Amino acid sequence: MEIKKTPLEGVYELYPRVFKDDRGYFLETYRKDIFEKHELITDWKQDNQSYSERGIIRGLHFQKGEYAQAKLARVIVGKVLDVVVDLRKGSPTQGKYHAVVLDENLQNMLYIPQGFAHGFAVYEDAVFSYKCSNFYHKESEGGIIWNDNELGIDWGVFNPILSEKDKNWPSLGQFITESEGGL
């Protein structure tokens, strides 16, 4: 498995070896020993999966406090633009984002540590899967508005389909002010 650093400390793009033959393919999506070698979370508590049609944007979501989550995200079917935003208090990259296309043909993944908002835009109908280092806790949930001008994320989706919740998150600036500096 190839593990690439990104400009945001602690965020990694992962590219597993995919073995293909006339029967299909095989790959390892997680290996504890490799994750431990790179000092990544290995104690996953919850797996989530969603199906989304082309044009949907989900996010930007996070959990705070004792329910903060690291995530390992991948696409099983389809293609998405996966986006993370650094919300860590005192981080030199706070308010910066990183985006990568997760694609079923590449079988690539994104490792997201605690302290980041996460979302994705669906380029092709997609089955999206992610491991979480902590359980979902509704009262600890938060978010940043997907189209925040300060972030300037080019989602590559015009007239996106959004949940009501995702239309009403605060801006990055509002979040930082209200949280007294971030997560």
Foldseek 3Di string as FASTA:
>chain_A
DDWADDPFPPKIKDFWDWAQDPVGIDTDLDDQVVCVVVPHDDQFDDKDKDWDAAQAKDFQKFFDDPQGKKKKKAWQAAKKWKKKAAFDFPGPRHGEMDIDMHHNVRRMIMTGGTRIGIMIHGHHTTIMMMTINGDDDVVRMAGAAPCAPSHNDDRVHDPGDYDPVNNDGHHSVVQCVVVVGGD
